[in-house]
N, C-alpha and C. Protein backbone atom coordinates (compact mmCIF):
# COMPACT_ATOMS: atom_id res chain seq x y z
N MET A 1 141.25 100.71 83.38
CA MET A 1 140.15 100.68 85.65
C MET A 1 139.07 99.77 84.99
N GLU A 2 138.45 99.29 86.41
CA GLU A 2 137.15 98.52 86.59
C GLU A 2 135.95 99.09 86.83
N LEU A 3 134.68 98.85 86.05
CA LEU A 3 133.63 99.59 86.19
C LEU A 3 132.89 99.95 87.65
N ASP A 4 133.60 98.91 88.54
CA ASP A 4 133.44 99.09 90.17
C ASP A 4 133.94 100.34 90.41
N ILE A 5 135.50 99.69 90.06
CA ILE A 5 136.42 101.53 90.99
C ILE A 5 135.98 102.58 89.97
N PHE A 6 135.59 103.04 88.56
CA PHE A 6 135.00 103.94 88.29
C PHE A 6 133.91 104.70 88.64
N GLU A 7 133.04 103.67 89.19
CA GLU A 7 131.67 104.09 89.93
C GLU A 7 131.56 104.76 91.24
N LYS A 8 133.30 104.00 92.12
CA LYS A 8 133.24 104.51 93.34
C LYS A 8 133.54 106.06 93.10
N ARG A 9 134.93 106.64 92.29
CA ARG A 9 135.19 107.83 91.85
C ARG A 9 134.78 108.87 90.99
N ILE A 10 133.34 108.24 91.25
CA ILE A 10 132.47 109.48 90.66
C ILE A 10 131.38 110.17 91.15
N LYS A 11 130.75 111.21 90.90
CA LYS A 11 129.69 111.55 91.07
C LYS A 11 128.07 111.19 90.61
N ILE A 12 126.98 111.13 90.34
CA ILE A 12 126.29 111.11 89.65
C ILE A 12 125.03 112.53 90.05
N LEU A 13 124.86 113.30 89.62
CA LEU A 13 124.27 114.54 90.00
C LEU A 13 122.66 113.94 90.05
N ASN A 14 121.99 114.16 90.90
CA ASN A 14 120.67 114.63 90.93
C ASN A 14 120.00 115.32 89.80
N ASN A 15 118.50 114.16 89.63
CA ASN A 15 117.55 115.03 88.05
C ASN A 15 117.88 116.06 88.09
N ARG A 16 117.90 116.99 89.13
CA ARG A 16 117.44 118.87 89.56
C ARG A 16 118.99 118.96 88.93
N GLU A 17 120.16 118.69 89.87
CA GLU A 17 121.02 119.27 89.61
C GLU A 17 121.39 119.26 88.09
N GLY A 18 121.47 117.72 87.34
CA GLY A 18 122.14 117.39 85.90
C GLY A 18 121.53 118.87 85.35
N ASP A 19 119.74 118.35 85.02
CA ASP A 19 118.67 119.88 84.49
C ASP A 19 119.34 120.98 84.17
N ILE A 20 119.99 121.02 85.44
CA ILE A 20 120.51 122.77 85.48
C ILE A 20 121.97 122.75 84.68
N LEU A 21 122.15 122.31 85.06
CA LEU A 21 123.84 122.24 83.95
C LEU A 21 123.45 121.58 82.77
N ARG A 22 122.91 121.07 82.52
CA ARG A 22 122.66 120.26 80.92
C ARG A 22 122.13 121.90 80.15
N GLU A 23 121.07 122.21 81.13
CA GLU A 23 120.48 123.94 80.39
C GLU A 23 121.68 124.74 80.77
N LYS A 24 122.44 125.18 81.25
CA LYS A 24 123.42 125.56 81.41
C LYS A 24 124.71 126.08 80.26
N TYR A 25 124.95 124.62 79.96
CA TYR A 25 125.89 123.97 79.33
C TYR A 25 125.09 124.71 77.68
N ILE A 26 123.79 124.17 76.99
CA ILE A 26 123.37 124.30 75.87
C ILE A 26 123.12 125.83 75.80
N GLU A 27 123.21 126.86 77.00
CA GLU A 27 122.93 128.54 76.85
C GLU A 27 124.20 128.96 76.69
N LYS A 28 125.64 128.41 76.88
CA LYS A 28 126.51 128.85 77.01
C LYS A 28 126.97 128.46 75.44
N PHE A 29 127.05 126.90 74.93
CA PHE A 29 127.92 126.40 73.78
C PHE A 29 126.97 125.97 72.63
N ILE A 30 125.60 125.94 72.69
CA ILE A 30 125.14 125.41 71.79
C ILE A 30 124.51 126.72 70.48
N ASN A 31 124.39 127.20 69.35
CA ASN A 31 123.82 127.77 68.78
C ASN A 31 121.44 127.41 68.48
N ARG A 32 120.99 127.69 68.90
CA ARG A 32 119.40 127.34 69.44
C ARG A 32 118.66 127.73 67.93
N THR A 33 119.97 128.63 67.37
CA THR A 33 118.94 129.40 65.92
C THR A 33 118.74 128.66 64.97
N LYS A 34 119.91 127.62 65.09
CA LYS A 34 119.42 126.83 63.23
C LYS A 34 118.46 126.04 63.81
N PRO A 35 117.94 126.08 62.21
CA PRO A 35 116.49 125.71 62.09
C PRO A 35 115.93 124.26 62.18
N SER A 36 117.19 123.42 61.96
CA SER A 36 117.42 122.01 62.09
C SER A 36 117.91 121.50 64.06
N TYR A 37 117.94 122.47 64.56
CA TYR A 37 117.81 122.52 65.98
C TYR A 37 116.61 121.66 66.90
N PHE A 38 115.30 122.91 66.73
CA PHE A 38 114.40 122.55 67.44
C PHE A 38 114.08 120.79 66.50
N GLU A 39 113.84 120.66 65.24
CA GLU A 39 113.66 119.50 65.00
C GLU A 39 114.01 118.07 65.59
N LEU A 40 115.67 118.34 65.25
CA LEU A 40 116.63 116.79 65.97
C LEU A 40 116.67 116.83 67.48
N ILE A 41 116.40 118.81 67.76
CA ILE A 41 117.08 117.78 69.64
C ILE A 41 115.84 119.10 70.34
N GLU A 42 115.36 120.10 70.23
CA GLU A 42 114.39 120.87 71.41
C GLU A 42 113.21 119.51 71.30
N ARG A 43 112.57 119.38 69.70
CA ARG A 43 111.78 118.80 69.91
C ARG A 43 111.93 116.93 69.83
N MET A 44 111.52 116.49 71.39
CA MET A 44 112.04 115.23 71.85
C MET A 44 111.12 114.63 71.16
N GLU A 45 111.09 113.37 70.68
CA GLU A 45 110.39 111.96 70.82
C GLU A 45 110.07 110.67 71.27
N LYS A 46 108.91 110.44 71.88
CA LYS A 46 108.66 109.08 72.46
C LYS A 46 109.27 107.82 71.98
N PHE A 47 109.91 107.34 73.12
CA PHE A 47 110.22 105.70 72.12
C PHE A 47 110.14 105.28 73.43
N GLU A 48 110.03 104.01 72.96
CA GLU A 48 109.74 103.16 74.52
C GLU A 48 110.42 103.16 75.50
N ASP A 49 112.02 104.16 75.46
CA ASP A 49 112.43 104.14 76.92
C ASP A 49 112.75 105.46 77.14
N GLY A 50 111.51 105.96 77.18
CA GLY A 50 111.38 107.32 76.88
C GLY A 50 111.63 109.07 75.89
N TYR A 51 111.69 109.84 76.24
CA TYR A 51 111.57 110.46 75.35
C TYR A 51 113.02 111.69 75.31
N CYS A 52 112.90 111.06 73.85
CA CYS A 52 115.12 111.44 73.53
C CYS A 52 114.57 112.04 72.08
N TYR A 53 115.98 112.92 71.93
CA TYR A 53 115.80 113.58 70.74
C TYR A 53 116.93 112.38 69.49
N ARG A 54 116.73 113.48 68.39
CA ARG A 54 117.51 112.17 66.78
C ARG A 54 118.71 113.20 67.07
N GLY A 55 119.45 114.08 67.41
CA GLY A 55 120.72 115.03 66.44
C GLY A 55 121.96 114.71 67.84
N TYR A 56 122.29 115.24 67.55
CA TYR A 56 123.50 115.62 68.60
C TYR A 56 124.01 116.89 68.50
N LEU A 57 124.54 117.29 69.91
CA LEU A 57 124.44 118.81 69.81
C LEU A 57 125.78 119.40 69.88
N TRP A 58 126.51 118.37 68.98
CA TRP A 58 127.77 118.66 68.73
C TRP A 58 127.95 119.96 67.49
N ASP A 59 126.67 119.30 66.42
CA ASP A 59 126.55 119.69 65.74
C ASP A 59 125.90 121.10 65.23
N TYR A 60 125.98 121.59 66.52
CA TYR A 60 125.28 122.72 66.92
C TYR A 60 125.77 123.58 67.50
N MET A 61 127.43 123.10 68.13
CA MET A 61 127.97 124.41 69.15
C MET A 61 128.71 125.97 68.21
N ARG A 62 128.86 126.32 68.72
CA ARG A 62 128.64 127.60 68.91
C ARG A 62 131.03 127.99 68.42
N ASP A 63 131.09 127.81 67.71
CA ASP A 63 132.57 128.44 66.97
C ASP A 63 133.19 127.50 67.62
N PRO A 64 132.94 125.92 67.51
CA PRO A 64 134.22 124.94 67.73
C PRO A 64 135.43 124.84 66.99
N ILE A 65 136.20 124.62 67.56
CA ILE A 65 137.63 124.05 66.74
C ILE A 65 138.37 122.75 66.51
N ILE A 66 138.85 122.43 65.98
CA ILE A 66 139.31 120.90 65.69
C ILE A 66 140.47 120.39 66.83
N ILE A 67 140.12 120.06 67.51
CA ILE A 67 141.41 119.19 68.75
C ILE A 67 141.45 117.72 68.51
N ASP A 68 143.04 117.75 68.24
CA ASP A 68 143.93 116.49 68.55
C ASP A 68 143.44 116.02 69.53
N ARG A 69 142.94 114.26 69.86
CA ARG A 69 142.47 113.72 70.31
C ARG A 69 143.67 113.40 71.64
N ASN A 70 144.99 113.73 70.80
CA ASN A 70 146.20 113.61 72.29
C ASN A 70 146.34 114.74 73.10
N SER A 71 145.29 115.64 72.38
CA SER A 71 146.03 117.14 73.54
C SER A 71 144.96 116.99 74.39
N ILE A 72 143.99 116.11 73.93
CA ILE A 72 142.46 116.34 75.55
C ILE A 72 143.56 115.52 76.32
N GLN A 73 144.05 114.20 75.86
CA GLN A 73 144.20 113.30 77.08
C GLN A 73 145.43 114.21 77.87
N SER A 74 146.43 115.20 77.12
CA SER A 74 147.73 116.25 77.56
C SER A 74 147.22 116.87 78.99
N LEU A 75 145.57 117.14 78.05
CA LEU A 75 144.69 118.55 79.62
C LEU A 75 144.97 117.74 81.51
N SER A 76 145.10 116.85 81.14
CA SER A 76 144.95 116.29 82.06
C SER A 76 145.54 116.29 83.81
N GLU A 77 146.98 116.89 83.55
CA GLU A 77 147.35 117.68 84.48
C GLU A 77 147.25 119.50 84.57
N ASN A 78 146.38 119.96 83.61
CA ASN A 78 145.77 121.46 84.31
C ASN A 78 144.33 120.98 84.53
N ILE A 79 143.47 120.08 84.31
CA ILE A 79 142.05 120.52 83.97
C ILE A 79 141.84 119.29 85.97
N ASN A 80 141.08 119.81 86.53
CA ASN A 80 140.87 119.16 88.11
C ASN A 80 139.42 118.17 87.77
N ARG A 81 138.77 119.12 88.67
CA ARG A 81 136.61 118.23 88.69
C ARG A 81 136.76 119.04 87.27
N VAL A 82 135.49 117.82 86.98
CA VAL A 82 134.77 117.97 85.62
C VAL A 82 133.66 117.84 85.24
N TYR A 83 132.80 118.28 84.70
CA TYR A 83 131.06 117.58 84.69
C TYR A 83 130.94 116.96 83.52
N VAL A 84 130.51 115.86 83.22
CA VAL A 84 130.39 115.01 81.66
C VAL A 84 128.91 114.71 81.07
N PHE A 85 128.89 114.49 80.84
CA PHE A 85 126.89 114.58 80.21
C PHE A 85 127.15 114.01 78.60
N TRP A 86 125.97 113.22 77.68
CA TRP A 86 126.14 112.50 76.65
C TRP A 86 124.55 113.44 76.16
N ASP A 87 124.77 112.70 74.51
CA ASP A 87 123.08 112.91 74.22
C ASP A 87 122.50 111.70 74.26
N ILE A 88 121.09 112.20 74.40
CA ILE A 88 119.73 111.88 75.14
C ILE A 88 119.36 111.01 73.59
N HIS A 89 120.16 109.45 73.69
CA HIS A 89 119.28 109.01 72.75
C HIS A 89 118.69 107.68 73.22
N SER A 90 117.17 107.29 72.57
CA SER A 90 117.21 106.10 72.95
C SER A 90 118.04 104.21 72.34
N ARG A 91 117.56 103.40 72.93
CA ARG A 91 118.23 102.41 72.75
C ARG A 91 117.42 101.67 71.36
N GLU A 92 116.57 102.44 71.14
CA GLU A 92 116.16 101.84 69.62
C GLU A 92 117.33 102.05 68.74
N ARG A 93 117.50 103.24 68.77
CA ARG A 93 118.09 103.61 67.61
C ARG A 93 120.02 103.30 67.97
N ILE A 94 120.24 103.14 69.38
CA ILE A 94 121.73 102.51 69.34
C ILE A 94 121.36 101.00 69.52
N PHE A 95 122.41 100.28 68.55
CA PHE A 95 122.81 99.11 68.67
C PHE A 95 123.97 98.67 68.99
N ILE A 96 124.42 99.29 69.76
CA ILE A 96 125.63 98.52 71.10
C ILE A 96 125.44 98.24 72.46
N LYS A 97 125.55 97.10 72.42
CA LYS A 97 124.95 96.54 73.46
C LYS A 97 125.69 97.36 74.57
N ASP A 98 124.85 96.95 75.58
CA ASP A 98 125.13 97.66 77.56
C ASP A 98 125.82 99.24 76.99
N TYR A 99 125.28 99.76 76.11
CA TYR A 99 125.55 100.71 75.66
C TYR A 99 125.80 101.85 76.84
N TRP A 100 124.80 102.11 77.70
CA TRP A 100 124.73 102.62 78.94
C TRP A 100 125.09 102.14 80.46
N LYS A 101 125.88 102.49 80.60
CA LYS A 101 126.46 102.51 82.10
C LYS A 101 125.87 103.33 83.24
N PHE A 102 124.98 104.27 82.57
CA PHE A 102 125.21 105.17 83.61
C PHE A 102 123.53 105.44 82.90
N GLY A 103 122.27 105.87 83.55
CA GLY A 103 121.21 106.63 82.24
C GLY A 103 121.41 107.40 81.57
N LYS A 104 120.87 107.18 80.49
CA LYS A 104 121.70 108.08 79.47
C LYS A 104 120.83 109.99 79.71
N ASP A 105 119.95 110.24 80.52
CA ASP A 105 120.70 111.30 80.54
C ASP A 105 121.18 111.78 82.30
N SER A 106 121.92 111.01 82.49
CA SER A 106 122.36 111.65 83.29
C SER A 106 123.64 112.88 83.25
N VAL A 107 124.08 113.31 84.92
CA VAL A 107 125.48 114.06 84.07
C VAL A 107 126.59 113.82 85.65
N LEU A 108 127.44 113.44 85.59
CA LEU A 108 128.38 113.05 85.82
C LEU A 108 129.03 113.82 86.39
N GLU A 109 130.06 114.22 87.93
CA GLU A 109 131.23 114.58 88.61
C GLU A 109 132.57 113.70 88.74
N LEU A 110 133.54 114.63 88.51
CA LEU A 110 134.47 113.43 88.32
C LEU A 110 135.75 113.88 87.86
N SER A 111 136.82 113.19 88.69
CA SER A 111 138.22 113.98 87.75
C SER A 111 138.58 114.17 86.70
N TYR A 112 139.44 114.95 86.47
CA TYR A 112 139.30 114.74 84.65
C TYR A 112 140.04 113.69 84.43
N LYS A 113 140.87 113.23 85.26
CA LYS A 113 142.33 111.83 85.38
C LYS A 113 140.73 110.66 85.28
N ASP A 114 140.45 110.93 86.15
CA ASP A 114 139.47 109.69 86.05
C ASP A 114 138.58 109.48 84.97
N LEU A 115 137.82 110.61 84.19
CA LEU A 115 137.57 110.43 82.96
C LEU A 115 137.99 110.38 82.32
N MET A 116 139.03 110.59 81.73
CA MET A 116 140.43 109.78 80.65
C MET A 116 140.95 108.45 80.83
N GLN A 117 141.07 108.15 82.17
CA GLN A 117 141.01 106.56 82.60
C GLN A 117 139.94 105.70 82.27
N GLY A 118 138.68 106.02 82.66
CA GLY A 118 137.87 105.49 82.77
C GLY A 118 136.22 105.61 81.65
N GLU A 119 136.97 106.26 80.11
CA GLU A 119 136.11 106.86 79.49
C GLU A 119 135.47 105.89 78.41
N GLU A 120 135.95 104.29 78.74
CA GLU A 120 135.40 103.16 77.85
C GLU A 120 134.20 103.08 78.35
N PHE A 121 133.61 103.23 79.68
CA PHE A 121 132.44 103.45 80.31
C PHE A 121 131.34 104.17 79.80
N LEU A 122 131.62 105.15 79.29
CA LEU A 122 130.48 106.31 79.02
C LEU A 122 130.20 106.13 77.03
N PRO A 123 129.43 106.48 76.96
CA PRO A 123 128.94 106.72 75.77
C PRO A 123 129.93 107.51 74.81
N GLU A 124 129.49 107.27 73.56
CA GLU A 124 131.05 107.79 72.25
C GLU A 124 131.24 109.04 72.42
N ASP A 125 129.95 109.74 72.64
CA ASP A 125 129.28 111.71 72.29
C ASP A 125 129.44 111.46 73.74
N ILE A 126 130.87 112.43 74.19
CA ILE A 126 130.57 112.92 75.64
C ILE A 126 130.94 114.77 75.90
N TYR A 127 130.43 115.12 76.67
CA TYR A 127 130.45 116.46 76.35
C TYR A 127 131.05 116.61 77.23
N ILE A 128 132.32 117.44 78.26
CA ILE A 128 133.22 117.90 79.24
C ILE A 128 133.35 119.30 79.32
N PHE A 129 133.69 119.59 80.51
CA PHE A 129 133.72 121.26 81.14
C PHE A 129 133.38 121.01 82.52
N ASP A 130 133.40 122.27 82.75
CA ASP A 130 134.02 122.40 84.50
C ASP A 130 133.07 123.32 85.23
N CYS A 131 132.77 123.60 86.23
CA CYS A 131 131.61 125.33 86.96
C CYS A 131 131.82 126.51 86.23
N SER A 132 133.32 126.40 85.67
CA SER A 132 134.02 128.10 85.03
C SER A 132 132.87 128.37 83.75
N PHE A 133 132.82 126.96 83.07
CA PHE A 133 131.73 127.10 82.00
C PHE A 133 132.56 128.13 80.90
N ASP A 134 133.72 128.05 80.63
CA ASP A 134 134.46 128.79 80.15
C ASP A 134 135.16 127.52 78.75
N TRP A 135 134.66 126.78 78.97
CA TRP A 135 135.52 126.29 78.13
C TRP A 135 134.68 124.31 77.87
N THR A 136 134.84 123.89 76.76
CA THR A 136 134.11 122.38 76.77
C THR A 136 134.99 121.54 75.71
N ILE A 137 134.95 120.71 75.82
CA ILE A 137 135.66 119.60 75.48
C ILE A 137 134.49 118.80 74.72
N VAL A 138 134.05 118.60 73.27
CA VAL A 138 133.65 117.38 72.74
C VAL A 138 134.17 116.25 72.30
N LEU A 139 134.12 114.82 72.40
CA LEU A 139 134.74 113.27 71.99
C LEU A 139 133.60 113.43 71.22
N THR A 140 133.52 113.17 70.03
CA THR A 140 132.69 112.33 68.59
C THR A 140 132.42 111.17 68.51
N HIS A 141 131.60 110.55 68.39
CA HIS A 141 131.96 109.32 67.57
C HIS A 141 132.65 108.81 66.07
N GLU A 142 132.54 110.31 65.67
CA GLU A 142 132.86 110.14 64.30
C GLU A 142 134.55 110.24 64.01
N ASP A 143 134.97 109.88 63.02
CA ASP A 143 136.59 110.52 63.31
C ASP A 143 137.16 110.75 61.58
N ILE A 144 137.56 111.72 61.73
CA ILE A 144 138.24 112.10 60.42
C ILE A 144 139.95 111.28 59.94
N ASP A 145 139.79 111.01 58.85
CA ASP A 145 140.99 110.14 58.21
C ASP A 145 141.91 109.26 59.24
N GLY A 146 141.08 108.21 60.41
CA GLY A 146 141.40 107.50 61.19
C GLY A 146 141.44 107.82 62.29
N GLN A 147 141.11 109.47 62.61
CA GLN A 147 141.39 110.03 64.19
C GLN A 147 140.05 110.42 64.53
N ARG A 148 139.50 110.41 66.38
CA ARG A 148 138.60 110.52 66.26
C ARG A 148 138.40 112.03 66.50
N TYR A 149 137.05 112.73 65.78
CA TYR A 149 136.79 113.97 66.01
C TYR A 149 136.26 115.02 67.28
N CYS A 150 137.13 115.27 67.75
CA CYS A 150 136.87 116.06 68.70
C CYS A 150 136.76 117.41 68.38
N LEU A 151 136.36 118.24 69.43
CA LEU A 151 135.82 119.45 68.87
C LEU A 151 136.09 120.17 70.78
N LYS A 152 136.56 121.65 70.77
CA LYS A 152 136.74 122.12 71.71
C LYS A 152 135.91 123.72 71.62
N CYS A 153 135.86 124.40 72.97
CA CYS A 153 135.12 125.44 72.46
C CYS A 153 135.81 126.20 73.53
N GLY A 154 136.03 127.85 73.69
CA GLY A 154 137.00 128.19 75.02
C GLY A 154 138.21 127.90 75.03
N ASP A 155 138.69 129.05 76.26
CA ASP A 155 140.14 128.48 76.55
C ASP A 155 140.01 127.63 77.46
N ILE A 156 140.59 126.80 77.40
CA ILE A 156 141.50 125.94 78.62
C ILE A 156 142.42 125.53 78.85
C-alpha cells in the first residue's frame, strides 16, 4: 500500500479526542505505580520539538502476555475498527529519517486490515486497541531470538 492510499483510509483524531483515548488507555492497561513510570513517562521533558517522554509505555503494561507476530496478522478476520498510537518521543532521540508520517502524539482510527497493510508508515512501537478497551496489542521495536517482541493484554 502507498502512503497516500493509507492516509485516505485513516482518520486522525483531533487533539482532544486523542488525548482522551490515550488517557483512558493508560488508565486501563498501564501500571503507573512503578517508581520509574513517573521519571520516564509522566514527567515529560522539553526538547526542540516539544515535550516528550523518555520511556516506553509497554514497559509498564499490566499483566502482558507475549504474542507471536504471525498471530497478530491472523487476527484481521476477527477485528474491525481500531485505534493506534505510539510513544511520544523526540526526534532528538530517534535517528531514523522521516520516522513520523503523522504527528508524534497522533491517535489514528482505521480498520485492522488497513493497519496491518500500512504498518510500515507507523513508528516501530505501536499500541492497538478498540473502543471496548477489553484488549490491547503492542508491537515493540525489540526482538527476541529474531522475532519481533509483541505483547497483548485482555481477551481478543
